């Protein structure tokens, strides 16, 4: 995601709409995801701490945690669906690469929703349902982007969108994926994985072109 964001999305946008406009869109993508992330976290923490204590053994609080996480991820997934759409409009390969990267990123999010719901209700079906429906906002975002925004897209606006998508993906990598990988894995292996992923993407782009 990092390599694609800088080498493909931002670079192509700079070549089409210019350095200044592309970078403004790129950093607006980062800032927009930052605001969304902070807003979700603020709502989540305020609700969890509306009492004096929080115990993970209480089913009510666990259910609340799962519901809030599902809501936050649903909001978070909406622009990601648009990211896949706009990337695919640029090129099929790029859209596929972005879709795979975001799909991998969504795995721990689904786990974060399903675990508290499962322990609160004891129902695997309910845990799966909450996790599944929180992820449906991603294709919903793509659908809204296609049916409402597609008719207004020009080549310039498309590449501005792609630059913003690059910003969104960079934020996801540095704010979510890398910290989780470092926390639960080996720091050196994490960065080796990052660089290996970049190399694989670079080679695939080379052979594609």
N, C-alpha and C. Protein backbone atom coordinates (compact mmCIF):
# COMPACT_ATOMS: atom_id res chain seq x y z
N UNK A 1 0.82 -1.20 0.00
CA UNK A 1 0.00 0.00 0.00
C UNK A 1 0.86 1.26 0.00
N UNK A 2 1.94 1.26 0.78
CA UNK A 2 2.81 2.44 0.85
C UNK A 2 3.46 2.69 -0.51
N UNK A 3 4.01 1.62 -1.10
CA UNK A 3 4.71 1.76 -2.38
C UNK A 3 3.75 2.22 -3.47
N UNK A 4 2.58 1.59 -3.54
CA UNK A 4 1.59 1.95 -4.55
C UNK A 4 1.16 3.40 -4.39
N UNK A 5 0.98 3.83 -3.14
CA UNK A 5 0.52 5.19 -2.87
C UNK A 5 1.48 6.23 -3.42
N UNK A 6 2.78 6.02 -3.19
CA UNK A 6 3.77 7.02 -3.61
C UNK A 6 4.17 6.86 -5.08
N UNK A 7 4.43 5.63 -5.50
CA UNK A 7 4.98 5.40 -6.84
C UNK A 7 3.91 5.44 -7.93
N UNK A 8 2.71 4.95 -7.61
CA UNK A 8 1.65 4.91 -8.61
C UNK A 8 0.67 6.07 -8.45
N UNK A 9 -0.04 6.10 -7.32
CA UNK A 9 -1.15 7.03 -7.17
C UNK A 9 -0.69 8.49 -7.16
N UNK A 10 0.24 8.82 -6.27
CA UNK A 10 0.68 10.21 -6.17
C UNK A 10 1.49 10.63 -7.40
N UNK A 11 2.38 9.75 -7.86
CA UNK A 11 3.23 10.10 -9.00
C UNK A 11 2.41 10.34 -10.27
N UNK A 12 1.43 9.48 -10.54
CA UNK A 12 0.59 9.67 -11.72
C UNK A 12 -0.26 10.93 -11.60
N UNK A 13 -0.70 11.23 -10.39
CA UNK A 13 -1.50 12.44 -10.18
C UNK A 13 -0.66 13.69 -10.41
N UNK A 14 0.58 13.67 -9.93
CA UNK A 14 1.48 14.81 -10.15
C UNK A 14 1.69 15.03 -11.64
N UNK A 15 1.86 13.93 -12.39
CA UNK A 15 2.07 14.05 -13.82
C UNK A 15 0.87 14.56 -14.59
N UNK A 16 -0.33 14.40 -14.02
CA UNK A 16 -1.55 14.79 -14.72
C UNK A 16 -2.07 16.16 -14.29
N UNK A 17 -2.16 16.39 -12.97
CA UNK A 17 -2.78 17.64 -12.49
C UNK A 17 -1.76 18.64 -11.94
N UNK A 18 -0.49 18.21 -11.81
CA UNK A 18 0.53 19.11 -11.29
C UNK A 18 0.92 18.79 -9.86
N UNK A 19 2.12 19.22 -9.48
CA UNK A 19 2.68 18.89 -8.17
C UNK A 19 1.83 19.43 -7.03
N UNK A 20 1.48 20.70 -7.09
CA UNK A 20 0.78 21.34 -5.98
C UNK A 20 -0.60 20.72 -5.75
N UNK A 21 -1.40 20.62 -6.82
CA UNK A 21 -2.75 20.10 -6.68
C UNK A 21 -2.76 18.65 -6.20
N UNK A 22 -1.86 17.84 -6.75
CA UNK A 22 -1.80 16.43 -6.37
C UNK A 22 -1.42 16.27 -4.90
N UNK A 23 -0.46 17.07 -4.44
CA UNK A 23 -0.04 16.96 -3.05
C UNK A 23 -1.08 17.50 -2.08
N UNK A 24 -1.82 18.53 -2.49
CA UNK A 24 -2.92 19.01 -1.66
C UNK A 24 -3.96 17.90 -1.48
N UNK A 25 -4.32 17.23 -2.58
CA UNK A 25 -5.28 16.13 -2.51
C UNK A 25 -4.74 14.99 -1.66
N UNK A 26 -3.45 14.68 -1.81
CA UNK A 26 -2.82 13.60 -1.05
C UNK A 26 -2.92 13.86 0.45
N UNK A 27 -2.54 15.06 0.87
CA UNK A 27 -2.55 15.37 2.30
C UNK A 27 -3.96 15.59 2.83
N UNK A 28 -4.89 15.99 1.97
CA UNK A 28 -6.29 16.06 2.39
C UNK A 28 -6.82 14.65 2.68
N UNK A 29 -6.37 13.66 1.88
CA UNK A 29 -6.74 12.28 2.15
C UNK A 29 -6.23 11.81 3.50
N UNK A 30 -4.99 12.15 3.82
CA UNK A 30 -4.41 11.80 5.12
C UNK A 30 -5.18 12.49 6.24
N UNK A 31 -5.40 13.80 6.09
CA UNK A 31 -6.05 14.58 7.13
C UNK A 31 -7.50 14.14 7.33
N UNK A 32 -8.18 13.81 6.22
CA UNK A 32 -9.56 13.34 6.33
C UNK A 32 -9.66 12.05 7.11
N UNK A 33 -8.76 11.10 6.84
CA UNK A 33 -8.76 9.84 7.58
C UNK A 33 -8.36 10.06 9.03
N UNK A 34 -7.46 11.01 9.28
CA UNK A 34 -7.07 11.33 10.65
C UNK A 34 -8.28 11.84 11.44
N UNK A 35 -9.04 12.76 10.86
CA UNK A 35 -10.22 13.30 11.53
C UNK A 35 -11.26 12.21 11.78
N UNK A 36 -11.50 11.37 10.78
CA UNK A 36 -12.46 10.28 10.93
C UNK A 36 -12.01 9.32 12.02
N UNK A 37 -10.74 9.00 12.05
CA UNK A 37 -10.19 8.08 13.04
C UNK A 37 -10.33 8.65 14.45
N UNK A 38 -10.01 9.94 14.62
CA UNK A 38 -10.11 10.57 15.93
C UNK A 38 -11.56 10.69 16.39
N UNK A 39 -12.46 10.98 15.46
CA UNK A 39 -13.87 11.10 15.80
C UNK A 39 -14.43 9.76 16.28
N UNK A 40 -14.10 8.70 15.57
CA UNK A 40 -14.55 7.36 15.96
C UNK A 40 -13.98 6.98 17.31
N UNK A 41 -12.69 7.24 17.51
CA UNK A 41 -12.04 6.90 18.78
C UNK A 41 -12.64 7.70 19.93
N UNK A 42 -12.97 8.97 19.69
CA UNK A 42 -13.54 9.83 20.73
C UNK A 42 -14.91 9.33 21.16
N UNK A 43 -15.76 9.00 20.18
CA UNK A 43 -17.09 8.47 20.49
C UNK A 43 -16.97 7.16 21.24
N UNK A 44 -16.07 6.32 20.78
CA UNK A 44 -15.86 5.00 21.37
C UNK A 44 -15.43 5.11 22.83
N UNK A 45 -14.43 5.94 23.12
CA UNK A 45 -13.90 6.06 24.47
C UNK A 45 -14.88 6.76 25.40
N UNK A 46 -15.61 7.77 24.91
CA UNK A 46 -16.59 8.45 25.75
C UNK A 46 -17.68 7.51 26.21
N UNK A 47 -18.11 6.64 25.31
CA UNK A 47 -19.19 5.72 25.65
C UNK A 47 -18.71 4.63 26.59
N UNK A 48 -17.50 4.17 26.37
CA UNK A 48 -16.96 3.11 27.23
C UNK A 48 -16.73 3.61 28.65
N UNK A 49 -16.46 4.90 28.81
CA UNK A 49 -16.14 5.43 30.12
C UNK A 49 -17.27 6.28 30.69
N UNK A 50 -18.53 5.96 30.31
CA UNK A 50 -19.64 6.72 30.86
C UNK A 50 -19.94 6.30 32.29
N UNK A 51 -19.29 5.23 32.77
CA UNK A 51 -19.38 4.85 34.17
C UNK A 51 -18.03 5.06 34.82
N UNK A 52 -17.92 4.65 36.09
CA UNK A 52 -16.66 4.85 36.81
C UNK A 52 -15.63 3.80 36.46
N UNK A 53 -16.09 2.60 36.10
CA UNK A 53 -15.16 1.52 35.79
C UNK A 53 -15.62 0.81 34.54
N UNK A 54 -14.69 0.09 33.95
CA UNK A 54 -15.00 -0.71 32.76
C UNK A 54 -14.41 -2.08 32.97
N UNK A 55 -15.25 -3.10 32.94
CA UNK A 55 -14.79 -4.46 33.14
C UNK A 55 -15.14 -5.29 31.92
N UNK A 56 -14.14 -5.95 31.37
CA UNK A 56 -14.39 -6.75 30.17
C UNK A 56 -15.21 -7.99 30.50
N UNK A 57 -15.44 -8.29 31.79
CA UNK A 57 -16.25 -9.44 32.17
C UNK A 57 -17.73 -9.14 32.11
N UNK A 58 -18.12 -7.89 31.95
CA UNK A 58 -19.53 -7.52 31.91
C UNK A 58 -20.04 -7.62 30.49
N UNK A 59 -21.09 -8.43 30.30
CA UNK A 59 -21.61 -8.65 28.95
C UNK A 59 -22.12 -7.37 28.31
N UNK A 60 -22.73 -6.51 29.12
CA UNK A 60 -23.27 -5.27 28.57
C UNK A 60 -22.17 -4.42 27.96
N UNK A 61 -21.08 -4.27 28.68
CA UNK A 61 -19.98 -3.45 28.18
C UNK A 61 -19.29 -4.09 26.99
N UNK A 62 -19.19 -5.41 27.01
CA UNK A 62 -18.60 -6.11 25.86
C UNK A 62 -19.46 -5.92 24.61
N UNK A 63 -20.77 -6.04 24.80
CA UNK A 63 -21.66 -5.84 23.66
C UNK A 63 -21.54 -4.42 23.12
N UNK A 64 -21.46 -3.47 24.05
CA UNK A 64 -21.32 -2.06 23.67
C UNK A 64 -20.02 -1.85 22.91
N UNK A 65 -18.95 -2.48 23.38
CA UNK A 65 -17.66 -2.37 22.70
C UNK A 65 -17.75 -2.90 21.27
N UNK A 66 -18.36 -4.07 21.13
CA UNK A 66 -18.50 -4.66 19.80
C UNK A 66 -19.33 -3.81 18.86
N UNK A 67 -20.44 -3.26 19.39
CA UNK A 67 -21.31 -2.43 18.56
C UNK A 67 -20.61 -1.15 18.12
N UNK A 68 -19.90 -0.53 19.05
CA UNK A 68 -19.20 0.71 18.71
C UNK A 68 -18.06 0.45 17.73
N UNK A 69 -17.37 -0.67 17.93
CA UNK A 69 -16.30 -1.02 17.00
C UNK A 69 -16.88 -1.27 15.61
N UNK A 70 -18.01 -1.97 15.56
CA UNK A 70 -18.67 -2.22 14.27
C UNK A 70 -19.08 -0.92 13.60
N UNK A 71 -19.63 0.01 14.39
CA UNK A 71 -20.03 1.31 13.84
C UNK A 71 -18.82 2.07 13.31
N UNK A 72 -17.75 2.08 14.10
CA UNK A 72 -16.54 2.79 13.69
C UNK A 72 -15.95 2.21 12.42
N UNK A 73 -15.90 0.88 12.33
CA UNK A 73 -15.34 0.24 11.15
C UNK A 73 -16.24 0.46 9.94
N UNK A 74 -17.56 0.47 10.16
CA UNK A 74 -18.48 0.74 9.05
C UNK A 74 -18.22 2.13 8.47
N UNK A 75 -18.03 3.12 9.34
CA UNK A 75 -17.72 4.47 8.88
C UNK A 75 -16.36 4.52 8.19
N UNK A 76 -15.43 3.75 8.75
CA UNK A 76 -14.06 3.72 8.24
C UNK A 76 -13.99 3.07 6.86
N UNK A 77 -14.84 2.05 6.64
CA UNK A 77 -14.80 1.29 5.39
C UNK A 77 -15.41 2.04 4.21
N UNK A 78 -16.28 3.01 4.51
CA UNK A 78 -16.98 3.71 3.44
C UNK A 78 -16.02 4.37 2.45
N UNK A 79 -15.07 5.20 2.91
CA UNK A 79 -14.13 5.79 1.94
C UNK A 79 -13.18 4.77 1.32
N UNK A 80 -12.95 3.65 2.02
CA UNK A 80 -12.09 2.62 1.44
C UNK A 80 -12.74 1.99 0.21
N UNK A 81 -14.06 1.84 0.23
CA UNK A 81 -14.77 1.34 -0.95
C UNK A 81 -14.59 2.27 -2.13
N UNK A 82 -14.67 3.58 -1.86
CA UNK A 82 -14.44 4.56 -2.92
C UNK A 82 -13.00 4.49 -3.42
N UNK A 83 -12.07 4.20 -2.50
CA UNK A 83 -10.66 4.10 -2.89
C UNK A 83 -10.46 2.99 -3.91
N UNK A 84 -11.09 1.84 -3.67
CA UNK A 84 -10.98 0.73 -4.61
C UNK A 84 -11.60 1.10 -5.96
N UNK A 85 -12.76 1.77 -5.92
CA UNK A 85 -13.43 2.17 -7.15
C UNK A 85 -12.56 3.09 -8.00
N UNK A 86 -12.07 4.17 -7.39
CA UNK A 86 -11.30 5.15 -8.16
C UNK A 86 -9.99 4.57 -8.66
N UNK A 87 -9.38 3.67 -7.87
CA UNK A 87 -8.16 3.02 -8.32
C UNK A 87 -8.43 2.12 -9.52
N UNK A 88 -9.56 1.42 -9.49
CA UNK A 88 -9.93 0.53 -10.59
C UNK A 88 -10.23 1.30 -11.86
N UNK A 89 -10.78 2.52 -11.70
CA UNK A 89 -11.05 3.35 -12.87
C UNK A 89 -9.76 3.77 -13.57
N UNK A 90 -8.68 3.88 -12.78
CA UNK A 90 -7.39 4.25 -13.36
C UNK A 90 -6.78 3.08 -14.12
N UNK A 91 -6.74 1.90 -13.46
CA UNK A 91 -6.26 0.68 -14.12
C UNK A 91 -6.73 -0.53 -13.33
N UNK A 92 -7.01 -1.61 -14.05
CA UNK A 92 -7.51 -2.82 -13.41
C UNK A 92 -6.48 -3.38 -12.43
N UNK A 93 -5.21 -3.36 -12.84
CA UNK A 93 -4.16 -3.89 -11.97
C UNK A 93 -4.07 -3.09 -10.68
N UNK A 94 -4.11 -1.77 -10.80
CA UNK A 94 -4.02 -0.91 -9.63
C UNK A 94 -5.22 -1.15 -8.71
N UNK A 95 -6.41 -1.25 -9.29
CA UNK A 95 -7.60 -1.51 -8.49
C UNK A 95 -7.51 -2.84 -7.76
N UNK A 96 -6.99 -3.86 -8.45
CA UNK A 96 -6.83 -5.18 -7.82
C UNK A 96 -5.83 -5.12 -6.67
N UNK A 97 -4.73 -4.41 -6.87
CA UNK A 97 -3.70 -4.28 -5.83
C UNK A 97 -4.25 -3.58 -4.60
N UNK A 98 -4.99 -2.49 -4.82
CA UNK A 98 -5.58 -1.75 -3.70
C UNK A 98 -6.61 -2.61 -2.99
N UNK A 99 -7.42 -3.35 -3.75
CA UNK A 99 -8.45 -4.20 -3.16
C UNK A 99 -7.83 -5.28 -2.28
N UNK A 100 -6.74 -5.91 -2.75
CA UNK A 100 -6.07 -6.95 -1.96
C UNK A 100 -5.49 -6.35 -0.68
N UNK A 101 -4.84 -5.19 -0.80
CA UNK A 101 -4.24 -4.55 0.37
C UNK A 101 -5.29 -4.19 1.40
N UNK A 102 -6.41 -3.64 0.97
CA UNK A 102 -7.47 -3.26 1.90
C UNK A 102 -8.15 -4.49 2.49
N UNK A 103 -8.27 -5.56 1.70
CA UNK A 103 -8.86 -6.80 2.21
C UNK A 103 -8.02 -7.37 3.35
N UNK A 104 -6.70 -7.36 3.19
CA UNK A 104 -5.80 -7.83 4.26
C UNK A 104 -5.95 -6.95 5.50
N UNK A 105 -6.06 -5.65 5.26
CA UNK A 105 -6.23 -4.70 6.35
C UNK A 105 -7.54 -4.91 7.09
N UNK A 106 -8.56 -5.45 6.41
CA UNK A 106 -9.88 -5.63 7.02
C UNK A 106 -9.97 -6.85 7.92
N UNK A 107 -9.03 -7.78 7.80
CA UNK A 107 -9.10 -9.01 8.61
C UNK A 107 -9.06 -8.72 10.11
N UNK A 108 -8.06 -7.98 10.62
CA UNK A 108 -8.07 -7.69 12.06
C UNK A 108 -9.25 -6.83 12.49
N UNK A 109 -9.79 -6.02 11.58
CA UNK A 109 -10.96 -5.22 11.92
C UNK A 109 -12.17 -6.12 12.18
N UNK A 110 -12.34 -7.14 11.34
CA UNK A 110 -13.43 -8.08 11.54
C UNK A 110 -13.30 -8.83 12.85
N UNK A 111 -12.08 -9.21 13.19
CA UNK A 111 -11.82 -9.88 14.47
C UNK A 111 -12.15 -8.96 15.64
N UNK A 112 -11.81 -7.68 15.51
CA UNK A 112 -12.06 -6.70 16.58
C UNK A 112 -13.55 -6.54 16.85
N UNK A 113 -14.38 -6.73 15.83
CA UNK A 113 -15.83 -6.65 16.02
C UNK A 113 -16.38 -7.95 16.60
N UNK A 114 -15.96 -9.08 16.04
CA UNK A 114 -16.60 -10.35 16.36
C UNK A 114 -16.27 -10.87 17.76
N UNK A 115 -15.05 -10.64 18.24
CA UNK A 115 -14.65 -11.20 19.54
C UNK A 115 -15.50 -10.66 20.69
N UNK A 116 -15.63 -9.33 20.88
CA UNK A 116 -16.46 -8.86 21.99
C UNK A 116 -17.93 -9.26 21.86
N UNK A 117 -18.46 -9.28 20.63
CA UNK A 117 -19.85 -9.70 20.43
C UNK A 117 -20.02 -11.17 20.80
N UNK A 118 -19.04 -11.99 20.42
CA UNK A 118 -19.12 -13.43 20.73
C UNK A 118 -19.09 -13.67 22.24
N UNK A 119 -18.17 -13.01 22.94
CA UNK A 119 -18.07 -13.23 24.38
C UNK A 119 -19.25 -12.62 25.14
N UNK A 120 -19.90 -11.62 24.56
CA UNK A 120 -21.06 -11.01 25.21
C UNK A 120 -22.32 -11.85 25.00
N UNK A 121 -22.45 -12.45 23.81
CA UNK A 121 -23.68 -13.16 23.48
C UNK A 121 -23.53 -14.68 23.47
N UNK A 122 -22.30 -15.16 23.29
CA UNK A 122 -22.08 -16.59 23.17
C UNK A 122 -22.52 -17.15 21.83
N UNK A 123 -22.84 -16.27 20.90
CA UNK A 123 -23.37 -16.69 19.59
C UNK A 123 -22.35 -16.40 18.49
N UNK A 124 -21.90 -17.45 17.82
CA UNK A 124 -20.98 -17.26 16.70
C UNK A 124 -21.69 -16.60 15.52
N UNK A 125 -22.96 -16.96 15.32
CA UNK A 125 -23.71 -16.37 14.21
C UNK A 125 -23.86 -14.87 14.39
N UNK A 126 -24.15 -14.45 15.61
CA UNK A 126 -24.32 -13.01 15.86
C UNK A 126 -22.99 -12.29 15.69
N UNK A 127 -21.91 -12.89 16.17
CA UNK A 127 -20.58 -12.28 16.02
C UNK A 127 -20.22 -12.14 14.55
N UNK A 128 -20.51 -13.19 13.78
CA UNK A 128 -20.23 -13.14 12.34
C UNK A 128 -21.09 -12.08 11.65
N UNK A 129 -22.37 -12.00 12.04
CA UNK A 129 -23.29 -11.06 11.40
C UNK A 129 -22.84 -9.62 11.61
N UNK A 130 -22.48 -9.27 12.84
CA UNK A 130 -22.04 -7.90 13.12
C UNK A 130 -20.78 -7.57 12.32
N UNK A 131 -19.85 -8.51 12.28
CA UNK A 131 -18.60 -8.29 11.54
C UNK A 131 -18.88 -8.17 10.05
N UNK A 132 -19.77 -9.03 9.55
CA UNK A 132 -20.09 -9.03 8.12
C UNK A 132 -20.77 -7.74 7.69
N UNK A 133 -21.77 -7.31 8.45
CA UNK A 133 -22.52 -6.12 8.06
C UNK A 133 -21.72 -4.84 8.23
N UNK A 134 -20.77 -4.83 9.17
CA UNK A 134 -19.92 -3.64 9.29
C UNK A 134 -19.02 -3.49 8.07
N UNK A 135 -18.72 -4.62 7.41
CA UNK A 135 -17.88 -4.57 6.21
C UNK A 135 -18.64 -4.23 4.94
N UNK A 136 -19.98 -4.29 4.99
CA UNK A 136 -20.77 -4.03 3.78
C UNK A 136 -20.75 -2.57 3.36
N UNK A 137 -20.32 -1.68 4.26
CA UNK A 137 -20.26 -0.27 3.88
C UNK A 137 -19.17 -0.03 2.84
N UNK A 138 -18.24 -0.97 2.71
CA UNK A 138 -17.18 -0.81 1.71
C UNK A 138 -17.73 -0.90 0.28
N UNK A 139 -18.46 -1.98 -0.08
CA UNK A 139 -19.08 -1.98 -1.41
C UNK A 139 -20.15 -0.90 -1.54
N UNK A 140 -20.79 -0.52 -0.42
CA UNK A 140 -21.76 0.58 -0.47
C UNK A 140 -21.08 1.88 -0.87
N UNK A 141 -19.89 2.12 -0.30
CA UNK A 141 -19.13 3.32 -0.66
C UNK A 141 -18.75 3.31 -2.13
N UNK A 142 -18.35 2.13 -2.62
CA UNK A 142 -18.00 2.01 -4.05
C UNK A 142 -19.22 2.25 -4.93
N UNK A 143 -20.38 1.71 -4.51
CA UNK A 143 -21.60 1.88 -5.28
C UNK A 143 -22.05 3.33 -5.34
N UNK A 144 -22.00 4.02 -4.20
CA UNK A 144 -22.37 5.43 -4.18
C UNK A 144 -21.40 6.25 -5.02
N UNK A 145 -20.13 5.92 -4.90
CA UNK A 145 -19.13 6.62 -5.71
C UNK A 145 -19.39 6.44 -7.20
N UNK A 146 -19.79 5.24 -7.59
CA UNK A 146 -20.03 4.97 -9.01
C UNK A 146 -21.29 5.66 -9.52
N UNK A 147 -22.40 5.51 -8.80
CA UNK A 147 -23.68 6.00 -9.30
C UNK A 147 -23.88 7.50 -9.11
N UNK A 148 -23.23 8.09 -8.09
CA UNK A 148 -23.42 9.51 -7.83
C UNK A 148 -22.28 10.38 -8.34
N UNK A 149 -21.05 9.85 -8.28
CA UNK A 149 -19.89 10.68 -8.62
C UNK A 149 -19.33 10.40 -10.01
N UNK A 150 -19.60 9.21 -10.54
CA UNK A 150 -18.97 8.80 -11.79
C UNK A 150 -19.27 9.76 -12.94
N UNK A 151 -20.51 10.25 -13.01
CA UNK A 151 -20.91 11.13 -14.12
C UNK A 151 -20.20 12.48 -14.08
N UNK A 152 -19.70 12.85 -12.89
CA UNK A 152 -19.04 14.15 -12.76
C UNK A 152 -17.53 14.06 -12.89
N UNK A 153 -17.02 12.83 -13.05
CA UNK A 153 -15.57 12.66 -13.08
C UNK A 153 -14.98 13.12 -14.41
N UNK A 154 -13.91 13.89 -14.31
CA UNK A 154 -13.08 14.24 -15.46
C UNK A 154 -11.72 13.59 -15.23
N UNK A 155 -10.85 13.50 -16.23
CA UNK A 155 -9.51 12.95 -15.98
C UNK A 155 -8.78 13.65 -14.84
N UNK A 156 -8.94 14.97 -14.75
CA UNK A 156 -8.26 15.72 -13.69
C UNK A 156 -8.83 15.37 -12.32
N UNK A 157 -10.16 15.33 -12.21
CA UNK A 157 -10.76 15.03 -10.90
C UNK A 157 -10.48 13.59 -10.49
N UNK A 158 -10.41 12.67 -11.47
CA UNK A 158 -10.08 11.28 -11.16
C UNK A 158 -8.70 11.19 -10.54
N UNK A 159 -7.72 11.87 -11.11
CA UNK A 159 -6.36 11.78 -10.58
C UNK A 159 -6.23 12.52 -9.24
N UNK A 160 -7.04 13.54 -9.03
CA UNK A 160 -7.07 14.17 -7.70
C UNK A 160 -7.63 13.18 -6.68
N UNK A 161 -8.67 12.44 -7.07
CA UNK A 161 -9.23 11.41 -6.19
C UNK A 161 -8.19 10.34 -5.90
N UNK A 162 -7.42 9.95 -6.92
CA UNK A 162 -6.39 8.92 -6.72
C UNK A 162 -5.31 9.40 -5.76
N UNK A 163 -4.94 10.69 -5.85
CA UNK A 163 -3.96 11.23 -4.91
C UNK A 163 -4.51 11.18 -3.49
N UNK A 164 -5.81 11.51 -3.33
CA UNK A 164 -6.44 11.43 -2.01
C UNK A 164 -6.49 9.99 -1.52
N UNK A 165 -6.77 9.05 -2.43
CA UNK A 165 -6.75 7.63 -2.08
C UNK A 165 -5.38 7.23 -1.57
N UNK A 166 -4.33 7.73 -2.23
CA UNK A 166 -2.97 7.46 -1.76
C UNK A 166 -2.76 7.94 -0.34
N UNK A 167 -3.27 9.12 -0.02
CA UNK A 167 -3.18 9.64 1.34
C UNK A 167 -3.92 8.76 2.33
N UNK A 168 -5.11 8.30 1.95
CA UNK A 168 -5.89 7.40 2.81
C UNK A 168 -5.11 6.12 3.10
N UNK A 169 -4.51 5.54 2.07
CA UNK A 169 -3.77 4.29 2.24
C UNK A 169 -2.51 4.47 3.08
N UNK A 170 -1.81 5.59 2.90
CA UNK A 170 -0.62 5.85 3.71
C UNK A 170 -1.00 5.99 5.18
N UNK A 171 -2.11 6.67 5.45
CA UNK A 171 -2.56 6.81 6.84
C UNK A 171 -2.89 5.45 7.45
N UNK A 172 -3.61 4.61 6.70
CA UNK A 172 -3.97 3.28 7.19
C UNK A 172 -2.71 2.48 7.53
N UNK A 173 -1.71 2.56 6.66
CA UNK A 173 -0.47 1.81 6.88
C UNK A 173 0.24 2.25 8.15
N UNK A 174 0.45 3.56 8.29
CA UNK A 174 1.26 4.06 9.40
C UNK A 174 0.48 4.16 10.71
N UNK A 175 -0.82 4.32 10.63
CA UNK A 175 -1.61 4.47 11.86
C UNK A 175 -2.15 3.15 12.38
N UNK A 176 -2.36 2.17 11.49
CA UNK A 176 -3.00 0.93 11.91
C UNK A 176 -2.16 -0.31 11.65
N UNK A 177 -1.80 -0.54 10.40
CA UNK A 177 -1.16 -1.81 10.06
C UNK A 177 0.22 -1.97 10.69
N UNK A 178 1.09 -0.99 10.51
CA UNK A 178 2.45 -1.11 11.06
C UNK A 178 2.46 -1.19 12.59
N UNK A 179 1.73 -0.34 13.31
CA UNK A 179 1.73 -0.46 14.78
C UNK A 179 1.24 -1.82 15.26
N UNK A 180 0.19 -2.38 14.62
CA UNK A 180 -0.31 -3.69 15.01
C UNK A 180 0.72 -4.77 14.73
N UNK A 181 1.35 -4.71 13.57
CA UNK A 181 2.36 -5.71 13.20
C UNK A 181 3.54 -5.68 14.17
N UNK A 182 3.97 -4.47 14.54
CA UNK A 182 5.10 -4.34 15.47
C UNK A 182 4.72 -4.81 16.87
N UNK A 183 3.49 -4.50 17.28
CA UNK A 183 3.05 -4.85 18.63
C UNK A 183 2.94 -6.36 18.81
N UNK A 184 2.40 -7.05 17.81
CA UNK A 184 2.14 -8.48 17.96
C UNK A 184 3.16 -9.36 17.24
N UNK A 185 4.14 -8.74 16.61
CA UNK A 185 5.15 -9.52 15.91
C UNK A 185 6.54 -9.03 16.22
N UNK A 186 7.45 -9.34 15.34
CA UNK A 186 8.84 -8.94 15.50
C UNK A 186 9.09 -7.67 14.69
N UNK A 187 9.70 -6.67 15.32
CA UNK A 187 9.89 -5.38 14.66
C UNK A 187 10.71 -5.51 13.38
N UNK A 188 11.81 -6.26 13.45
CA UNK A 188 12.68 -6.40 12.28
C UNK A 188 11.99 -7.18 11.16
N UNK A 189 11.24 -8.23 11.55
CA UNK A 189 10.51 -9.00 10.54
C UNK A 189 9.39 -8.17 9.92
N UNK A 190 8.81 -7.28 10.72
CA UNK A 190 7.76 -6.40 10.20
C UNK A 190 8.30 -5.53 9.08
N UNK A 191 9.42 -4.88 9.32
CA UNK A 191 10.00 -4.01 8.30
C UNK A 191 10.54 -4.80 7.11
N UNK A 192 11.04 -6.02 7.38
CA UNK A 192 11.45 -6.89 6.28
C UNK A 192 10.24 -7.23 5.41
N UNK A 193 9.09 -7.47 6.06
CA UNK A 193 7.87 -7.74 5.32
C UNK A 193 7.43 -6.55 4.49
N UNK A 194 7.56 -5.34 5.06
CA UNK A 194 7.20 -4.12 4.33
C UNK A 194 8.06 -3.98 3.08
N UNK A 195 9.37 -4.11 3.24
CA UNK A 195 10.28 -3.95 2.10
C UNK A 195 10.11 -5.07 1.08
N UNK A 196 9.83 -6.28 1.57
CA UNK A 196 9.59 -7.40 0.64
C UNK A 196 8.32 -7.15 -0.17
N UNK A 197 7.30 -6.64 0.50
CA UNK A 197 6.06 -6.31 -0.20
C UNK A 197 6.28 -5.24 -1.25
N UNK A 198 7.09 -4.23 -0.91
CA UNK A 198 7.41 -3.18 -1.88
C UNK A 198 8.14 -3.75 -3.09
N UNK A 199 9.07 -4.67 -2.84
CA UNK A 199 9.83 -5.28 -3.93
C UNK A 199 8.91 -6.08 -4.84
N UNK A 200 8.01 -6.85 -4.25
CA UNK A 200 7.07 -7.65 -5.05
C UNK A 200 6.21 -6.75 -5.92
N UNK A 201 5.69 -5.66 -5.34
CA UNK A 201 4.86 -4.73 -6.10
C UNK A 201 5.67 -4.07 -7.21
N UNK A 202 6.92 -3.67 -6.89
CA UNK A 202 7.78 -3.03 -7.89
C UNK A 202 8.04 -3.96 -9.06
N UNK A 203 8.34 -5.23 -8.77
CA UNK A 203 8.61 -6.20 -9.84
C UNK A 203 7.36 -6.45 -10.67
N UNK A 204 6.22 -6.54 -10.01
CA UNK A 204 4.98 -6.78 -10.75
C UNK A 204 4.65 -5.60 -11.65
N UNK A 205 4.90 -4.38 -11.17
CA UNK A 205 4.68 -3.20 -12.00
C UNK A 205 5.65 -3.17 -13.18
N UNK A 206 6.89 -3.59 -12.93
CA UNK A 206 7.90 -3.61 -13.99
C UNK A 206 7.47 -4.55 -15.12
N UNK A 207 7.03 -5.76 -14.75
CA UNK A 207 6.64 -6.73 -15.77
C UNK A 207 5.33 -6.35 -16.44
N UNK A 208 4.48 -5.61 -15.72
CA UNK A 208 3.23 -5.17 -16.31
C UNK A 208 3.49 -4.13 -17.39
N UNK A 209 4.44 -3.22 -17.13
CA UNK A 209 4.74 -2.16 -18.09
C UNK A 209 5.75 -2.61 -19.14
